[in-house]
């Protein structure tokens, strides 16, 4: 799925049900997650990110009725 010489990275972040799931909240959670991941691995991953997809609670509801 990744372009040549690139990698895919999937990060699952469990969140409590009932939290806000507006676009701003989704982006904030994704940014915090990326920041934590960069600190853990010691590499500026976000700097090399070509595409980012956020799949959250509202996506599960709309796509899977779950």
PDB file of N, CA and C in Angstrom:
ATOM      1  N   UNK A   1       0.805  -1.185   0.000  1.00  0.00           N
ATOM      2  CA  UNK A   1       0.000   0.000   0.000  1.00  0.00           C
ATOM      3  C   UNK A   1       0.858   1.264   0.000  1.00  0.00           C
ATOM      4  N   UNK A   2       2.027   1.185   0.556  1.00  0.00           N
ATOM      5  CA  UNK A   2       2.896   2.370   0.607  1.00  0.00           C
ATOM      6  C   UNK A   2       3.607   2.545  -0.733  1.00  0.00           C
ATOM      7  N   UNK A   3       3.912   3.792  -1.079  1.00  0.00           N
ATOM      8  CA  UNK A   3       4.696   4.030  -2.298  1.00  0.00           C
ATOM      9  C   UNK A   3       6.081   3.391  -2.167  1.00  0.00           C
ATOM     10  N   UNK A   4       6.767   3.219  -3.278  1.00  0.00           N
ATOM     11  CA  UNK A   4       8.113   2.635  -3.219  1.00  0.00           C
ATOM     12  C   UNK A   4       9.016   3.394  -2.233  1.00  0.00           C
ATOM     13  N   UNK A   5       9.810   2.639  -1.488  1.00  0.00           N
ATOM     14  CA  UNK A   5      10.776   3.168  -0.512  1.00  0.00           C
ATOM     15  C   UNK A   5      10.109   3.873   0.672  1.00  0.00           C
ATOM     16  N   UNK A   6       8.830   3.613   0.875  1.00  0.00           N
ATOM     17  CA  UNK A   6       8.088   4.200   2.002  1.00  0.00           C
ATOM     18  C   UNK A   6       7.520   3.083   2.862  1.00  0.00           C
ATOM     19  N   UNK A   7       6.958   3.450   3.978  1.00  0.00           N
ATOM     20  CA  UNK A   7       6.374   2.490   4.908  1.00  0.00           C
ATOM     21  C   UNK A   7       4.975   2.926   5.300  1.00  0.00           C
ATOM     22  N   UNK A   8       4.147   1.954   5.701  1.00  0.00           N
ATOM     23  CA  UNK A   8       2.848   2.230   6.301  1.00  0.00           C
ATOM     24  C   UNK A   8       2.999   2.151   7.810  1.00  0.00           C
ATOM     25  N   UNK A   9       2.256   2.973   8.492  1.00  0.00           N
ATOM     26  CA  UNK A   9       2.242   2.933   9.944  1.00  0.00           C
ATOM     27  C   UNK A   9       0.793   3.082  10.398  1.00  0.00           C
ATOM     28  N   UNK A  10       0.330   2.132  11.189  1.00  0.00           N
ATOM     29  CA  UNK A  10      -1.013   2.188  11.744  1.00  0.00           C
ATOM     30  C   UNK A  10      -0.862   2.272  13.252  1.00  0.00           C
ATOM     31  N   UNK A  11      -1.491   3.272  13.848  1.00  0.00           N
ATOM     32  CA  UNK A  11      -1.425   3.458  15.294  1.00  0.00           C
ATOM     33  C   UNK A  11      -2.841   3.380  15.836  1.00  0.00           C
ATOM     34  N   UNK A  12      -3.093   2.431  16.721  1.00  0.00           N
ATOM     35  CA  UNK A  12      -4.402   2.298  17.350  1.00  0.00           C
ATOM     36  C   UNK A  12      -4.351   2.981  18.706  1.00  0.00           C
ATOM     37  N   UNK A  13      -5.292   3.872  18.935  1.00  0.00           N
ATOM     38  CA  UNK A  13      -5.335   4.612  20.193  1.00  0.00           C
ATOM     39  C   UNK A  13      -6.707   4.390  20.829  1.00  0.00           C
ATOM     40  N   UNK A  14      -6.772   3.628  21.917  1.00  0.00           N
ATOM     41  CA  UNK A  14      -8.059   3.420  22.566  1.00  0.00           C
ATOM     42  C   UNK A  14      -8.516   4.708  23.258  1.00  0.00           C
ATOM     43  N   UNK A  15      -9.770   5.047  23.059  1.00  0.00           N
ATOM     44  CA  UNK A  15     -10.348   6.229  23.714  1.00  0.00           C
ATOM     45  C   UNK A  15     -11.655   5.831  24.372  1.00  0.00           C
ATOM     46  N   UNK A  16     -12.014   6.569  25.384  1.00  0.00           N
ATOM     47  CA  UNK A  16     -13.242   6.289  26.117  1.00  0.00           C
ATOM     48  C   UNK A  16     -14.457   6.634  25.261  1.00  0.00           C
ATOM     49  N   UNK A  17     -15.524   5.847  25.356  1.00  0.00           N
ATOM     50  CA  UNK A  17     -16.742   6.183  24.621  1.00  0.00           C
ATOM     51  C   UNK A  17     -17.344   7.472  25.163  1.00  0.00           C
ATOM     52  N   UNK A  18     -18.006   8.191  24.283  1.00  0.00           N
ATOM     53  CA  UNK A  18     -18.686   9.410  24.719  1.00  0.00           C
ATOM     54  C   UNK A  18     -17.848  10.665  24.638  1.00  0.00           C
ATOM     55  N   UNK A  19     -16.568  10.547  24.261  1.00  0.00           N
ATOM     56  CA  UNK A  19     -15.750  11.744  24.101  1.00  0.00           C
ATOM     57  C   UNK A  19     -16.190  12.483  22.849  1.00  0.00           C
ATOM     58  N   UNK A  20     -15.909  13.765  22.796  1.00  0.00           N
ATOM     59  CA  UNK A  20     -16.225  14.527  21.599  1.00  0.00           C
ATOM     60  C   UNK A  20     -15.492  13.949  20.398  1.00  0.00           C
ATOM     61  N   UNK A  21     -16.134  13.979  19.237  1.00  0.00           N
ATOM     62  CA  UNK A  21     -15.517  13.422  18.042  1.00  0.00           C
ATOM     63  C   UNK A  21     -15.659  14.397  16.877  1.00  0.00           C
ATOM     64  N   UNK A  22     -15.491  15.667  17.172  1.00  0.00           N
ATOM     65  CA  UNK A  22     -15.511  16.667  16.108  1.00  0.00           C
ATOM     66  C   UNK A  22     -14.136  16.719  15.448  1.00  0.00           C
ATOM     67  N   UNK A  23     -14.031  17.411  14.336  1.00  0.00           N
ATOM     68  CA  UNK A  23     -12.774  17.454  13.585  1.00  0.00           C
ATOM     69  C   UNK A  23     -11.607  17.994  14.403  1.00  0.00           C
ATOM     70  N   UNK A  24     -11.850  19.030  15.202  1.00  0.00           N
ATOM     71  CA  UNK A  24     -10.773  19.598  16.024  1.00  0.00           C
ATOM     72  C   UNK A  24     -10.255  18.590  17.045  1.00  0.00           C
ATOM     73  N   UNK A  25     -11.167  17.866  17.687  1.00  0.00           N
ATOM     74  CA  UNK A  25     -10.771  16.869  18.691  1.00  0.00           C
ATOM     75  C   UNK A  25      -9.975  15.753  18.036  1.00  0.00           C
ATOM     76  N   UNK A  26     -10.417  15.299  16.877  1.00  0.00           N
ATOM     77  CA  UNK A  26      -9.715  14.238  16.161  1.00  0.00           C
ATOM     78  C   UNK A  26      -8.287  14.679  15.830  1.00  0.00           C
ATOM     79  N   UNK A  27      -8.138  15.877  15.312  1.00  0.00           N
ATOM     80  CA  UNK A  27      -6.812  16.380  14.948  1.00  0.00           C
ATOM     81  C   UNK A  27      -5.923  16.539  16.177  1.00  0.00           C
ATOM     82  N   UNK A  28      -6.495  17.030  17.270  1.00  0.00           N
ATOM     83  CA  UNK A  28      -5.722  17.205  18.504  1.00  0.00           C
ATOM     84  C   UNK A  28      -5.198  15.857  19.008  1.00  0.00           C
ATOM     85  N   UNK A  29      -6.068  14.845  19.036  1.00  0.00           N
ATOM     86  CA  UNK A  29      -5.650  13.510  19.471  1.00  0.00           C
ATOM     87  C   UNK A  29      -4.569  12.964  18.541  1.00  0.00           C
ATOM     88  N   UNK A  30      -4.743  13.124  17.239  1.00  0.00           N
ATOM     89  CA  UNK A  30      -3.757  12.618  16.276  1.00  0.00           C
ATOM     90  C   UNK A  30      -2.416  13.323  16.451  1.00  0.00           C
ATOM     91  N   UNK A  31      -2.440  14.644  16.654  1.00  0.00           N
ATOM     92  CA  UNK A  31      -1.194  15.399  16.854  1.00  0.00           C
ATOM     93  C   UNK A  31      -0.489  14.977  18.137  1.00  0.00           C
ATOM     94  N   UNK A  32      -1.263  14.799  19.205  1.00  0.00           N
ATOM     95  CA  UNK A  32      -0.665  14.356  20.472  1.00  0.00           C
ATOM     96  C   UNK A  32      -0.056  12.969  20.328  1.00  0.00           C
ATOM     97  N   UNK A  33      -0.766  12.090  19.635  1.00  0.00           N
ATOM     98  CA  UNK A  33      -0.278  10.725  19.428  1.00  0.00           C
ATOM     99  C   UNK A  33       1.017  10.743  18.625  1.00  0.00           C
ATOM    100  N   UNK A  34       1.058  11.536  17.565  1.00  0.00           N
ATOM    101  CA  UNK A  34       2.262  11.624  16.734  1.00  0.00           C
ATOM    102  C   UNK A  34       3.429  12.194  17.548  1.00  0.00           C
ATOM    103  N   UNK A  35       3.160  13.199  18.361  1.00  0.00           N
ATOM    104  CA  UNK A  35       4.206  13.780  19.202  1.00  0.00           C
ATOM    105  C   UNK A  35       4.782  12.761  20.174  1.00  0.00           C
ATOM    106  N   UNK A  36       3.904  11.986  20.793  1.00  0.00           N
ATOM    107  CA  UNK A  36       4.360  10.948  21.723  1.00  0.00           C
ATOM    108  C   UNK A  36       5.180   9.890  20.991  1.00  0.00           C
ATOM    109  N   UNK A  37       4.698   9.468  19.840  1.00  0.00           N
ATOM    110  CA  UNK A  37       5.413   8.468  19.061  1.00  0.00           C
ATOM    111  C   UNK A  37       6.795   8.968  18.644  1.00  0.00           C
ATOM    112  N   UNK A  38       6.872  10.223  18.225  1.00  0.00           N
ATOM    113  CA  UNK A  38       8.168  10.798  17.842  1.00  0.00           C
ATOM    114  C   UNK A  38       9.128  10.839  19.020  1.00  0.00           C
ATOM    115  N   UNK A  39       8.625  11.179  20.196  1.00  0.00           N
ATOM    116  CA  UNK A  39       9.492  11.199  21.384  1.00  0.00           C
ATOM    117  C   UNK A  39       9.961   9.784  21.732  1.00  0.00           C
ATOM    118  N   UNK A  40       9.084   8.800  21.585  1.00  0.00           N
ATOM    119  CA  UNK A  40       9.447   7.424  21.927  1.00  0.00           C
ATOM    120  C   UNK A  40      10.504   6.854  20.987  1.00  0.00           C
ATOM    121  N   UNK A  41      10.380   7.125  19.691  1.00  0.00           N
ATOM    122  CA  UNK A  41      11.329   6.547  18.735  1.00  0.00           C
ATOM    123  C   UNK A  41      12.500   7.470  18.428  1.00  0.00           C
ATOM    124  N   UNK A  42      12.397   8.735  18.813  1.00  0.00           N
ATOM    125  CA  UNK A  42      13.493   9.670  18.592  1.00  0.00           C
ATOM    126  C   UNK A  42      13.662  10.100  17.147  1.00  0.00           C
ATOM    127  N   UNK A  43      12.602  10.022  16.359  1.00  0.00           N
ATOM    128  CA  UNK A  43      12.645  10.408  14.945  1.00  0.00           C
ATOM    129  C   UNK A  43      11.486  11.350  14.638  1.00  0.00           C
ATOM    130  N   UNK A  44      11.696  12.321  13.751  1.00  0.00           N
ATOM    131  CA  UNK A  44      10.634  13.261  13.392  1.00  0.00           C
ATOM    132  C   UNK A  44       9.684  12.669  12.343  1.00  0.00           C
ATOM    133  N   UNK A  45       8.873  11.712  12.748  1.00  0.00           N
ATOM    134  CA  UNK A  45       8.002  10.986  11.826  1.00  0.00           C
ATOM    135  C   UNK A  45       7.041  11.923  11.087  1.00  0.00           C
ATOM    136  N   UNK A  46       6.451  12.857  11.801  1.00  0.00           N
ATOM    137  CA  UNK A  46       5.478  13.762  11.192  1.00  0.00           C
ATOM    138  C   UNK A  46       6.044  14.543  10.026  1.00  0.00           C
ATOM    139  N   UNK A  47       7.308  14.838  10.089  1.00  0.00           N
ATOM    140  CA  UNK A  47       7.991  15.587   9.040  1.00  0.00           C
ATOM    141  C   UNK A  47       7.982  14.832   7.705  1.00  0.00           C
ATOM    142  N   UNK A  48       7.913  13.505   7.784  1.00  0.00           N
ATOM    143  CA  UNK A  48       7.956  12.672   6.593  1.00  0.00           C
ATOM    144  C   UNK A  48       6.598  12.089   6.218  1.00  0.00           C
ATOM    145  N   UNK A  49       5.573  12.459   6.931  1.00  0.00           N
ATOM    146  CA  UNK A  49       4.243  11.925   6.670  1.00  0.00           C
ATOM    147  C   UNK A  49       3.687  12.487   5.372  1.00  0.00           C
ATOM    148  N   UNK A  50       3.270  11.593   4.495  1.00  0.00           N
ATOM    149  CA  UNK A  50       2.715  11.988   3.206  1.00  0.00           C
ATOM    150  C   UNK A  50       1.192  12.042   3.279  1.00  0.00           C
ATOM    151  N   UNK A  51       0.601  11.109   4.011  1.00  0.00           N
ATOM    152  CA  UNK A  51      -0.851  11.026   4.112  1.00  0.00           C
ATOM    153  C   UNK A  51      -1.221  10.571   5.517  1.00  0.00           C
ATOM    154  N   UNK A  52      -2.318  11.100   6.035  1.00  0.00           N
ATOM    155  CA  UNK A  52      -2.781  10.701   7.369  1.00  0.00           C
ATOM    156  C   UNK A  52      -4.290  10.530   7.313  1.00  0.00           C
ATOM    157  N   UNK A  53      -4.757   9.385   7.783  1.00  0.00           N
ATOM    158  CA  UNK A  53      -6.186   9.106   7.855  1.00  0.00           C
ATOM    159  C   UNK A  53      -6.544   8.863   9.310  1.00  0.00           C
ATOM    160  N   UNK A  54      -7.560   9.534   9.769  1.00  0.00           N
ATOM    161  CA  UNK A  54      -8.028   9.356  11.143  1.00  0.00           C
ATOM    162  C   UNK A  54      -9.372   8.637  11.073  1.00  0.00           C
ATOM    163  N   UNK A  55      -9.447   7.494  11.700  1.00  0.00           N
ATOM    164  CA  UNK A  55     -10.671   6.691  11.741  1.00  0.00           C
ATOM    165  C   UNK A  55     -11.081   6.631  13.198  1.00  0.00           C
ATOM    166  N   UNK A  56     -12.208   7.233  13.532  1.00  0.00           N
ATOM    167  CA  UNK A  56     -12.575   7.342  14.945  1.00  0.00           C
ATOM    168  C   UNK A  56     -13.979   6.801  15.205  1.00  0.00           C
ATOM    169  N   UNK A  57     -14.480   7.105  16.389  1.00  0.00           N
ATOM    170  CA  UNK A  57     -15.770   6.572  16.828  1.00  0.00           C
ATOM    171  C   UNK A  57     -16.894   6.867  15.844  1.00  0.00           C
ATOM    172  N   UNK A  58     -16.933   8.072  15.324  1.00  0.00           N
ATOM    173  CA  UNK A  58     -18.029   8.385  14.397  1.00  0.00           C
ATOM    174  C   UNK A  58     -17.908   7.597  13.099  1.00  0.00           C
ATOM    175  N   UNK A  59     -16.694   7.237  12.711  1.00  0.00           N
ATOM    176  CA  UNK A  59     -16.514   6.403  11.523  1.00  0.00           C
ATOM    177  C   UNK A  59     -17.009   4.977  11.776  1.00  0.00           C
ATOM    178  N   UNK A  60     -16.723   4.441  12.961  1.00  0.00           N
ATOM    179  CA  UNK A  60     -17.242   3.121  13.311  1.00  0.00           C
ATOM    180  C   UNK A  60     -18.767   3.128  13.311  1.00  0.00           C
ATOM    181  N   UNK A  61     -19.361   4.193  13.854  1.00  0.00           N
ATOM    182  CA  UNK A  61     -20.825   4.285  13.874  1.00  0.00           C
ATOM    183  C   UNK A  61     -21.408   4.330  12.464  1.00  0.00           C
ATOM    184  N   UNK A  62     -20.847   5.178  11.622  1.00  0.00           N
ATOM    185  CA  UNK A  62     -21.410   5.368  10.284  1.00  0.00           C
ATOM    186  C   UNK A  62     -21.145   4.174   9.365  1.00  0.00           C
ATOM    187  N   UNK A  63     -19.985   3.558   9.483  1.00  0.00           N
ATOM    188  CA  UNK A  63     -19.645   2.470   8.563  1.00  0.00           C
ATOM    189  C   UNK A  63     -20.101   1.096   9.034  1.00  0.00           C
ATOM    190  N   UNK A  64     -20.043   0.881  10.346  1.00  0.00           N
ATOM    191  CA  UNK A  64     -20.330  -0.454  10.868  1.00  0.00           C
ATOM    192  C   UNK A  64     -21.523  -0.493  11.824  1.00  0.00           C
ATOM    193  N   UNK A  65     -22.156   0.660  12.044  1.00  0.00           N
ATOM    194  CA  UNK A  65     -23.282   0.744  12.984  1.00  0.00           C
ATOM    195  C   UNK A  65     -22.874   0.181  14.343  1.00  0.00           C
ATOM    196  N   UNK A  66     -21.640   0.458  14.728  1.00  0.00           N
ATOM    197  CA  UNK A  66     -21.104  -0.076  15.993  1.00  0.00           C
ATOM    198  C   UNK A  66     -20.671   1.069  16.895  1.00  0.00           C
TER     199      UNK A  66
END
